[in-house]
Amino acid sequence: MLKISNVEPGLAPPEVSTVDARWDAQAGAAVLQGRLLDLGKADRVEVGFQYRENKGGTDLSERTGPWTDLPASPQSAPGQFQYSLTGLASNRTYEYRARVRHPLITIYGEEKSFRTVR
């Protein structure tokens, strides 16, 4: 029988949440919002988003394309972050998710969607 004691996890992962998106008609931009909940014992992480168009096909493999990474920014404390995404086609549905890059791992938030309006 083997007994292991005084063990600590090798990695405390960061935590991120995909919060909301709102359409800014005046700017023609989707404002994506996220929240960094925990840095995972790192001094600094990079936060950002990924997005893709939801094509609305009947087959799940046809509905979406690959994720596009948006620019990330450094964050050294938990809190809100956002990105204004421009250049989107009108009257389309897009999916997005928050992302946090820790020195050892990348974690993604829940996938959500928004629709562009013009």
C-alpha atoms as a PDB file:
ATOM      1  CA  MET A   1       0.000   0.000   0.000  1.00  0.00           C
ATOM      2  CA  LEU A   2       1.284   3.438  -0.919  1.00  0.00           C
ATOM      3  CA  LYS A   3       0.356   6.518   1.084  1.00  0.00           C
ATOM      4  CA  ILE A   4       1.047   9.988  -0.294  1.00  0.00           C
ATOM      5  CA  SER A   5       0.857  12.970   2.036  1.00  0.00           C
ATOM      6  CA  ASN A   6       1.528  16.710   1.891  1.00  0.00           C
ATOM      7  CA  VAL A   7       0.727  16.780  -1.813  1.00  0.00           C
ATOM      8  CA  GLU A   8      -0.061  20.026  -3.589  1.00  0.00           C
ATOM      9  CA  PRO A   9      -1.433  20.345  -7.108  1.00  0.00           C
ATOM     10  CA  GLY A  10       1.174  21.022  -9.782  1.00  0.00           C
ATOM     11  CA  LEU A  11      -0.967  23.688 -11.423  1.00  0.00           C
ATOM     12  CA  ALA A  12      -3.670  25.998 -10.150  1.00  0.00           C
ATOM     13  CA  PRO A  13      -5.375  26.955 -13.435  1.00  0.00           C
ATOM     14  CA  PRO A  14      -6.653  30.456 -14.121  1.00  0.00           C
ATOM     15  CA  GLU A  15     -10.396  31.043 -14.372  1.00  0.00           C
ATOM     16  CA  VAL A  16     -12.193  33.181 -16.960  1.00  0.00           C
ATOM     17  CA  SER A  17     -15.848  33.894 -17.657  1.00  0.00           C
ATOM     18  CA  THR A  18     -17.485  35.013 -20.902  1.00  0.00           C
ATOM     19  CA  VAL A  19     -19.811  37.775 -19.716  1.00  0.00           C
ATOM     20  CA  ASP A  20     -21.829  39.496 -22.430  1.00  0.00           C
ATOM     21  CA  ALA A  21     -21.781  41.180 -25.824  1.00  0.00           C
ATOM     22  CA  ARG A  22     -23.628  44.304 -26.889  1.00  0.00           C
ATOM     23  CA  TRP A  23     -24.027  45.798 -30.317  1.00  0.00           C
ATOM     24  CA  ASP A  24     -22.854  49.420 -30.597  1.00  0.00           C
ATOM     25  CA  ALA A  25     -24.780  50.579 -33.680  1.00  0.00           C
ATOM     26  CA  GLN A  26     -23.075  53.976 -33.781  1.00  0.00           C
ATOM     27  CA  ALA A  27     -19.590  52.418 -33.929  1.00  0.00           C
ATOM     28  CA  GLY A  28     -20.707  49.375 -35.907  1.00  0.00           C
ATOM     29  CA  ALA A  29     -18.996  47.160 -33.351  1.00  0.00           C
ATOM     30  CA  ALA A  30     -19.768  44.280 -31.028  1.00  0.00           C
ATOM     31  CA  VAL A  31     -18.394  45.021 -27.557  1.00  0.00           C
ATOM     32  CA  LEU A  32     -17.357  41.686 -26.065  1.00  0.00           C
ATOM     33  CA  GLN A  33     -17.044  41.489 -22.286  1.00  0.00           C
ATOM     34  CA  GLY A  34     -15.248  38.987 -20.096  1.00  0.00           C
ATOM     35  CA  ARG A  35     -14.123  38.632 -16.509  1.00  0.00           C
ATOM     36  CA  LEU A  36     -10.865  37.209 -15.201  1.00  0.00           C
ATOM     37  CA  LEU A  37     -11.823  35.387 -12.010  1.00  0.00           C
ATOM     38  CA  ASP A  38      -8.422  33.986 -10.961  1.00  0.00           C
ATOM     39  CA  LEU A  39      -4.853  34.274 -12.279  1.00  0.00           C
ATOM     40  CA  GLY A  40      -3.976  30.699 -11.290  1.00  0.00           C
ATOM     41  CA  LYS A  41      -0.963  31.673  -9.133  1.00  0.00           C
ATOM     42  CA  ALA A  42       0.645  33.603 -11.992  1.00  0.00           C
ATOM     43  CA  ASP A  43       1.804  37.199 -11.616  1.00  0.00           C
ATOM     44  CA  ARG A  44       0.323  38.101 -14.989  1.00  0.00           C
ATOM     45  CA  VAL A  45      -1.807  36.442 -17.667  1.00  0.00           C
ATOM     46  CA  GLU A  46      -3.091  37.518 -21.072  1.00  0.00           C
ATOM     47  CA  VAL A  47      -6.832  37.884 -21.596  1.00  0.00           C
ATOM     48  CA  GLY A  48      -8.755  38.182 -24.824  1.00  0.00           C
ATOM     49  CA  PHE A  49     -11.441  36.613 -26.974  1.00  0.00           C
ATOM     50  CA  GLN A  50     -12.008  34.286 -29.883  1.00  0.00           C
ATOM     51  CA  TYR A  51     -14.894  34.552 -32.326  1.00  0.00           C
ATOM     52  CA  ARG A  52     -16.351  32.879 -35.405  1.00  0.00           C
ATOM     53  CA  GLU A  53     -19.401  33.178 -37.590  1.00  0.00           C
ATOM     54  CA  ASN A  54     -22.241  30.776 -36.921  1.00  0.00           C
ATOM     55  CA  LYS A  55     -23.344  29.797 -40.404  1.00  0.00           C
ATOM     56  CA  GLY A  56     -26.590  28.201 -39.220  1.00  0.00           C
ATOM     57  CA  GLY A  57     -26.307  24.933 -41.157  1.00  0.00           C
ATOM     58  CA  THR A  58     -28.226  21.843 -40.131  1.00  0.00           C
ATOM     59  CA  ASP A  59     -25.103  19.705 -39.648  1.00  0.00           C
ATOM     60  CA  LEU A  60     -23.027  20.781 -36.630  1.00  0.00           C
ATOM     61  CA  SER A  61     -19.802  20.378 -38.605  1.00  0.00           C
ATOM     62  CA  GLU A  62     -21.157  22.811 -41.233  1.00  0.00           C
ATOM     63  CA  ARG A  63     -22.418  25.415 -38.766  1.00  0.00           C
ATOM     64  CA  THR A  64     -19.133  26.948 -37.730  1.00  0.00           C
ATOM     65  CA  GLY A  65     -15.660  27.668 -38.978  1.00  0.00           C
ATOM     66  CA  PRO A  66     -12.420  27.836 -37.020  1.00  0.00           C
ATOM     67  CA  TRP A  67     -12.029  30.256 -34.115  1.00  0.00           C
ATOM     68  CA  THR A  68     -10.288  33.577 -34.803  1.00  0.00           C
ATOM     69  CA  ASP A  69      -8.044  34.909 -32.025  1.00  0.00           C
ATOM     70  CA  LEU A  70      -8.469  38.578 -31.164  1.00  0.00           C
ATOM     71  CA  PRO A  71      -5.565  40.586 -29.686  1.00  0.00           C
ATOM     72  CA  ALA A  72      -4.826  39.750 -26.060  1.00  0.00           C
ATOM     73  CA  SER A  73      -3.849  42.154 -23.308  1.00  0.00           C
ATOM     74  CA  PRO A  74      -1.936  41.583 -20.066  1.00  0.00           C
ATOM     75  CA  GLN A  75      -3.835  41.530 -16.802  1.00  0.00           C
ATOM     76  CA  SER A  76      -2.303  41.191 -13.347  1.00  0.00           C
ATOM     77  CA  ALA A  77      -5.453  41.159 -11.185  1.00  0.00           C
ATOM     78  CA  PRO A  78      -8.933  39.677 -11.450  1.00  0.00           C
ATOM     79  CA  GLY A  79     -11.519  41.914 -13.101  1.00  0.00           C
ATOM     80  CA  GLN A  80     -13.431  42.869 -16.225  1.00  0.00           C
ATOM     81  CA  PHE A  81     -11.984  43.196 -19.725  1.00  0.00           C
ATOM     82  CA  GLN A  82     -13.531  43.965 -23.099  1.00  0.00           C
ATOM     83  CA  TYR A  83     -12.828  44.249 -26.810  1.00  0.00           C
ATOM     84  CA  SER A  84     -14.640  46.187 -29.567  1.00  0.00           C
ATOM     85  CA  LEU A  85     -14.908  43.952 -32.610  1.00  0.00           C
ATOM     86  CA  THR A  86     -15.480  45.825 -35.888  1.00  0.00           C
ATOM     87  CA  GLY A  87     -15.675  44.839 -39.553  1.00  0.00           C
ATOM     88  CA  LEU A  88     -18.420  42.265 -39.112  1.00  0.00           C
ATOM     89  CA  ALA A  89     -21.019  41.468 -41.775  1.00  0.00           C
ATOM     90  CA  SER A  90     -24.577  42.719 -41.183  1.00  0.00           C
ATOM     91  CA  ASN A  91     -27.391  40.551 -39.917  1.00  0.00           C
ATOM     92  CA  ARG A  92     -25.167  37.607 -39.018  1.00  0.00           C
ATOM     93  CA  THR A  93     -24.826  35.529 -35.888  1.00  0.00           C
ATOM     94  CA  TYR A  94     -21.385  35.166 -34.338  1.00  0.00           C
ATOM     95  CA  GLU A  95     -20.118  33.021 -31.486  1.00  0.00           C
ATOM     96  CA  TYR A  96     -17.472  34.234 -29.050  1.00  0.00           C
ATOM     97  CA  ARG A  97     -15.692  33.122 -25.912  1.00  0.00           C
ATOM     98  CA  ALA A  98     -13.291  34.686 -23.427  1.00  0.00           C
ATOM     99  CA  ARG A  99      -9.760  33.327 -23.253  1.00  0.00           C
ATOM    100  CA  VAL A 100      -6.988  33.486 -20.650  1.00  0.00           C
ATOM    101  CA  ARG A 101      -3.387  32.505 -21.419  1.00  0.00           C
ATOM    102  CA  HIS A 102      -1.453  31.390 -18.363  1.00  0.00           C
ATOM    103  CA  PRO A 103       2.270  30.612 -18.782  1.00  0.00           C
ATOM    104  CA  LEU A 104       1.392  26.878 -18.689  1.00  0.00           C
ATOM    105  CA  ILE A 105      -2.146  26.600 -20.091  1.00  0.00           C
ATOM    106  CA  THR A 106      -4.880  28.373 -22.058  1.00  0.00           C
ATOM    107  CA  ILE A 107      -8.423  28.294 -20.662  1.00  0.00           C
ATOM    108  CA  TYR A 108     -11.641  29.291 -22.444  1.00  0.00           C
ATOM    109  CA  GLY A 109     -14.908  30.645 -21.080  1.00  0.00           C
ATOM    110  CA  GLU A 110     -18.398  29.610 -22.084  1.00  0.00           C
ATOM    111  CA  GLU A 111     -19.368  30.017 -25.746  1.00  0.00           C
ATOM    112  CA  LYS A 112     -22.025  32.674 -26.311  1.00  0.00           C
ATOM    113  CA  SER A 113     -23.468  34.381 -29.377  1.00  0.00           C
ATOM    114  CA  PHE A 114     -24.620  37.760 -30.659  1.00  0.00           C
ATOM    115  CA  ARG A 115     -26.218  39.048 -33.826  1.00  0.00           C
ATOM    116  CA  THR A 116     -25.037  42.060 -35.810  1.00  0.00           C
ATOM    117  CA  VAL A 117     -27.584  44.700 -36.766  1.00  0.00           C
ATOM    118  CA  ARG A 118     -27.239  47.567 -39.213  1.00  0.00           C
END
